[in-house]
N, C-alpha and C. Protein backbone atom coordinates (compact mmCIF):
# COMPACT_ATOMS: atom_id res chain seq x y z
N MET A 1 3.83 -8.16 -26.18
CA MET A 1 5.19 -8.39 -26.61
C MET A 1 5.88 -7.06 -26.95
N ARG A 2 5.15 -6.14 -27.55
CA ARG A 2 5.76 -4.86 -27.87
C ARG A 2 6.23 -4.15 -26.61
N TYR A 3 5.41 -4.22 -25.56
CA TYR A 3 5.79 -3.59 -24.30
C TYR A 3 7.09 -4.20 -23.77
N LEU A 4 7.18 -5.52 -23.79
CA LEU A 4 8.38 -6.18 -23.29
C LEU A 4 9.61 -5.82 -24.12
N LYS A 5 9.45 -5.73 -25.42
CA LYS A 5 10.57 -5.36 -26.28
C LYS A 5 11.03 -3.93 -26.01
N ARG A 6 10.07 -3.01 -25.79
CA ARG A 6 10.42 -1.61 -25.53
C ARG A 6 11.07 -1.40 -24.18
N THR A 7 10.74 -2.22 -23.20
CA THR A 7 11.19 -1.98 -21.83
C THR A 7 12.24 -2.96 -21.34
N LYS A 8 12.82 -3.76 -22.22
CA LYS A 8 13.77 -4.77 -21.77
C LYS A 8 15.02 -4.17 -21.14
N GLY A 9 15.34 -2.92 -21.44
CA GLY A 9 16.50 -2.26 -20.84
C GLY A 9 16.21 -1.62 -19.49
N TYR A 10 14.94 -1.57 -19.09
CA TYR A 10 14.59 -0.96 -17.80
C TYR A 10 14.96 -1.92 -16.68
N MET A 11 15.35 -1.36 -15.56
CA MET A 11 15.69 -2.18 -14.42
C MET A 11 14.97 -1.65 -13.19
N LEU A 12 14.59 -2.55 -12.30
CA LEU A 12 14.06 -2.13 -11.02
C LEU A 12 15.21 -1.60 -10.18
N THR A 13 15.00 -0.50 -9.52
CA THR A 13 16.04 0.06 -8.66
C THR A 13 15.52 0.11 -7.23
N TYR A 14 16.42 -0.10 -6.31
CA TYR A 14 16.08 -0.11 -4.90
C TYR A 14 17.02 0.83 -4.16
N GLN A 15 16.49 1.46 -3.11
CA GLN A 15 17.30 2.35 -2.29
C GLN A 15 18.07 1.53 -1.27
N LYS A 16 19.24 2.03 -0.88
CA LYS A 16 19.99 1.38 0.18
C LYS A 16 19.21 1.56 1.48
N SER A 17 19.04 0.47 2.21
CA SER A 17 18.24 0.54 3.42
C SER A 17 18.81 -0.41 4.47
N ASN A 18 18.77 0.02 5.72
CA ASN A 18 19.23 -0.83 6.81
C ASN A 18 18.14 -1.80 7.27
N SER A 19 16.90 -1.47 7.00
CA SER A 19 15.81 -2.37 7.40
C SER A 19 15.14 -2.94 6.15
N LEU A 20 14.86 -4.20 6.20
CA LEU A 20 14.19 -4.86 5.08
C LEU A 20 12.71 -5.02 5.43
N GLU A 21 12.04 -3.89 5.49
CA GLU A 21 10.62 -3.88 5.82
C GLU A 21 9.80 -3.88 4.54
N ILE A 22 8.90 -4.85 4.44
CA ILE A 22 7.99 -4.90 3.30
C ILE A 22 6.77 -4.06 3.63
N ILE A 23 6.43 -3.13 2.75
CA ILE A 23 5.27 -2.26 2.93
C ILE A 23 4.26 -2.60 1.85
N GLY A 24 3.01 -2.81 2.25
CA GLY A 24 1.97 -3.17 1.29
C GLY A 24 0.83 -2.17 1.28
N TYR A 25 0.25 -1.99 0.11
CA TYR A 25 -0.91 -1.13 -0.08
C TYR A 25 -1.95 -1.92 -0.86
N SER A 26 -3.22 -1.74 -0.51
CA SER A 26 -4.28 -2.38 -1.28
C SER A 26 -5.44 -1.41 -1.46
N ASP A 27 -6.23 -1.65 -2.49
CA ASP A 27 -7.38 -0.80 -2.78
C ASP A 27 -8.40 -1.65 -3.51
N SER A 28 -9.64 -1.26 -3.41
CA SER A 28 -10.70 -1.96 -4.14
C SER A 28 -11.68 -0.95 -4.71
N ASP A 29 -12.43 -1.39 -5.70
CA ASP A 29 -13.42 -0.54 -6.35
C ASP A 29 -14.69 -1.37 -6.54
N PHE A 30 -15.73 -1.03 -5.80
CA PHE A 30 -16.99 -1.76 -5.87
C PHE A 30 -17.60 -1.56 -7.25
N ALA A 31 -17.90 -2.66 -7.94
CA ALA A 31 -18.47 -2.65 -9.29
C ALA A 31 -17.61 -1.81 -10.24
N GLY A 32 -16.29 -1.95 -10.11
CA GLY A 32 -15.36 -1.12 -10.87
C GLY A 32 -15.21 -1.48 -12.33
N CYS A 33 -15.50 -2.72 -12.70
CA CYS A 33 -15.37 -3.11 -14.10
C CYS A 33 -16.60 -2.62 -14.86
N GLN A 34 -16.39 -1.82 -15.88
CA GLN A 34 -17.50 -1.24 -16.64
C GLN A 34 -18.32 -2.30 -17.38
N ASP A 35 -17.66 -3.37 -17.83
CA ASP A 35 -18.36 -4.38 -18.62
C ASP A 35 -19.19 -5.33 -17.76
N SER A 36 -18.58 -5.89 -16.73
CA SER A 36 -19.26 -6.93 -15.94
C SER A 36 -19.81 -6.43 -14.61
N LYS A 37 -19.48 -5.21 -14.24
CA LYS A 37 -19.87 -4.62 -12.95
C LYS A 37 -19.29 -5.39 -11.76
N CYS A 38 -18.26 -6.21 -12.01
CA CYS A 38 -17.58 -6.89 -10.91
C CYS A 38 -16.68 -5.89 -10.19
N SER A 39 -16.46 -6.14 -8.92
CA SER A 39 -15.55 -5.31 -8.16
C SER A 39 -14.12 -5.63 -8.59
N THR A 40 -13.24 -4.66 -8.48
CA THR A 40 -11.84 -4.87 -8.79
C THR A 40 -11.01 -4.58 -7.55
N PHE A 41 -9.84 -5.20 -7.48
CA PHE A 41 -8.93 -4.86 -6.40
C PHE A 41 -7.51 -4.88 -6.93
N ARG A 42 -6.65 -4.18 -6.20
CA ARG A 42 -5.25 -4.11 -6.57
C ARG A 42 -4.43 -4.03 -5.30
N TYR A 43 -3.21 -4.55 -5.38
CA TYR A 43 -2.29 -4.36 -4.27
C TYR A 43 -0.87 -4.28 -4.81
N ILE A 44 -0.01 -3.70 -4.00
CA ILE A 44 1.41 -3.59 -4.33
C ILE A 44 2.20 -3.73 -3.04
N PHE A 45 3.30 -4.44 -3.12
CA PHE A 45 4.21 -4.58 -1.99
C PHE A 45 5.55 -4.00 -2.40
N MET A 46 6.13 -3.22 -1.49
CA MET A 46 7.38 -2.52 -1.78
C MET A 46 8.44 -2.89 -0.76
N LEU A 47 9.68 -2.93 -1.23
CA LEU A 47 10.83 -3.21 -0.38
C LEU A 47 11.95 -2.29 -0.82
N ALA A 48 12.52 -1.56 0.11
CA ALA A 48 13.63 -0.65 -0.17
C ALA A 48 13.30 0.34 -1.28
N GLY A 49 12.07 0.83 -1.30
CA GLY A 49 11.68 1.86 -2.26
C GLY A 49 11.27 1.37 -3.62
N GLY A 50 11.26 0.06 -3.85
CA GLY A 50 10.88 -0.47 -5.16
C GLY A 50 9.81 -1.54 -5.03
N ALA A 51 9.02 -1.67 -6.06
CA ALA A 51 7.95 -2.68 -6.07
C ALA A 51 8.55 -4.07 -6.22
N ILE A 52 8.08 -5.00 -5.39
CA ILE A 52 8.53 -6.39 -5.52
C ILE A 52 7.39 -7.32 -5.92
N SER A 53 6.15 -6.89 -5.73
CA SER A 53 5.01 -7.72 -6.12
C SER A 53 3.79 -6.82 -6.25
N TRP A 54 2.95 -7.09 -7.26
CA TRP A 54 1.74 -6.31 -7.45
C TRP A 54 0.72 -7.14 -8.20
N LYS A 55 -0.54 -6.72 -8.09
CA LYS A 55 -1.62 -7.43 -8.77
C LYS A 55 -2.80 -6.48 -8.95
N PHE A 56 -3.47 -6.59 -10.08
CA PHE A 56 -4.71 -5.87 -10.36
C PHE A 56 -5.64 -6.88 -11.01
N VAL A 57 -6.82 -7.09 -10.43
CA VAL A 57 -7.69 -8.15 -10.93
C VAL A 57 -9.15 -7.86 -10.60
N LYS A 58 -10.04 -8.44 -11.41
CA LYS A 58 -11.46 -8.42 -11.08
C LYS A 58 -11.71 -9.49 -10.03
N GLN A 59 -12.54 -9.18 -9.05
CA GLN A 59 -12.86 -10.16 -8.02
C GLN A 59 -13.74 -11.25 -8.63
N THR A 60 -13.42 -12.50 -8.28
CA THR A 60 -14.21 -13.62 -8.79
C THR A 60 -15.49 -13.81 -7.97
N ILE A 61 -15.47 -13.32 -6.74
CA ILE A 61 -16.65 -13.38 -5.88
C ILE A 61 -17.40 -12.07 -6.04
N ILE A 62 -18.71 -12.13 -6.21
CA ILE A 62 -19.49 -10.90 -6.36
C ILE A 62 -19.74 -10.31 -4.97
N ALA A 63 -19.25 -9.11 -4.77
CA ALA A 63 -19.42 -8.43 -3.49
C ALA A 63 -20.77 -7.72 -3.47
N SER A 64 -21.42 -7.79 -2.32
CA SER A 64 -22.76 -7.19 -2.20
C SER A 64 -22.71 -5.73 -1.75
N SER A 65 -21.54 -5.27 -1.34
CA SER A 65 -21.42 -3.88 -0.88
C SER A 65 -19.97 -3.42 -1.01
N THR A 66 -19.78 -2.13 -0.82
CA THR A 66 -18.43 -1.57 -0.85
C THR A 66 -17.58 -2.17 0.25
N MET A 67 -18.16 -2.34 1.43
CA MET A 67 -17.42 -2.91 2.56
C MET A 67 -16.99 -4.34 2.26
N ALA A 68 -17.86 -5.12 1.64
CA ALA A 68 -17.51 -6.50 1.29
C ALA A 68 -16.38 -6.52 0.27
N ALA A 69 -16.42 -5.63 -0.70
CA ALA A 69 -15.36 -5.56 -1.72
C ALA A 69 -14.03 -5.21 -1.06
N LYS A 70 -14.04 -4.28 -0.12
CA LYS A 70 -12.81 -3.89 0.57
C LYS A 70 -12.30 -5.02 1.46
N PHE A 71 -13.19 -5.75 2.10
CA PHE A 71 -12.79 -6.88 2.94
C PHE A 71 -12.13 -7.96 2.10
N ILE A 72 -12.70 -8.27 0.94
CA ILE A 72 -12.13 -9.28 0.05
C ILE A 72 -10.74 -8.84 -0.42
N ALA A 73 -10.61 -7.57 -0.80
CA ALA A 73 -9.31 -7.05 -1.26
C ALA A 73 -8.27 -7.12 -0.14
N CYS A 74 -8.67 -6.76 1.06
CA CYS A 74 -7.76 -6.80 2.20
C CYS A 74 -7.33 -8.23 2.50
N PHE A 75 -8.27 -9.16 2.41
CA PHE A 75 -7.97 -10.58 2.64
C PHE A 75 -6.96 -11.09 1.61
N GLU A 76 -7.20 -10.80 0.34
CA GLU A 76 -6.30 -11.25 -0.73
C GLU A 76 -4.90 -10.65 -0.55
N ALA A 77 -4.84 -9.36 -0.26
CA ALA A 77 -3.54 -8.69 -0.10
C ALA A 77 -2.80 -9.23 1.12
N SER A 78 -3.50 -9.45 2.22
CA SER A 78 -2.82 -9.95 3.42
C SER A 78 -2.33 -11.38 3.22
N ASN A 79 -3.09 -12.20 2.49
CA ASN A 79 -2.61 -13.55 2.18
C ASN A 79 -1.31 -13.50 1.39
N HIS A 80 -1.25 -12.62 0.41
CA HIS A 80 -0.04 -12.50 -0.39
C HIS A 80 1.11 -11.93 0.44
N GLY A 81 0.80 -10.98 1.31
CA GLY A 81 1.83 -10.41 2.18
C GLY A 81 2.43 -11.46 3.11
N ILE A 82 1.60 -12.34 3.64
CA ILE A 82 2.09 -13.43 4.50
C ILE A 82 2.99 -14.35 3.69
N TRP A 83 2.59 -14.63 2.44
CA TRP A 83 3.40 -15.49 1.58
C TRP A 83 4.78 -14.87 1.32
N LEU A 84 4.81 -13.54 1.13
CA LEU A 84 6.09 -12.87 0.89
C LEU A 84 6.98 -12.98 2.10
């Protein structure tokens, strides 16, 4: 709540653009959570220079390798990108 109170005057700003192209980035970290050793992933989607959607979360499925963690993160991000 303190964060929301401090930042209520902030606004998202977007650049003027002729194309409405959504650009997405994703990343994962195998066993990235120090407490549970679960992999973590994050993604962000941007439109006209500003963030429109983002997520950072521990994976609920236990990945057996770095490649599996990256595949899961890519799958989650692409599903969200299709939804957008």
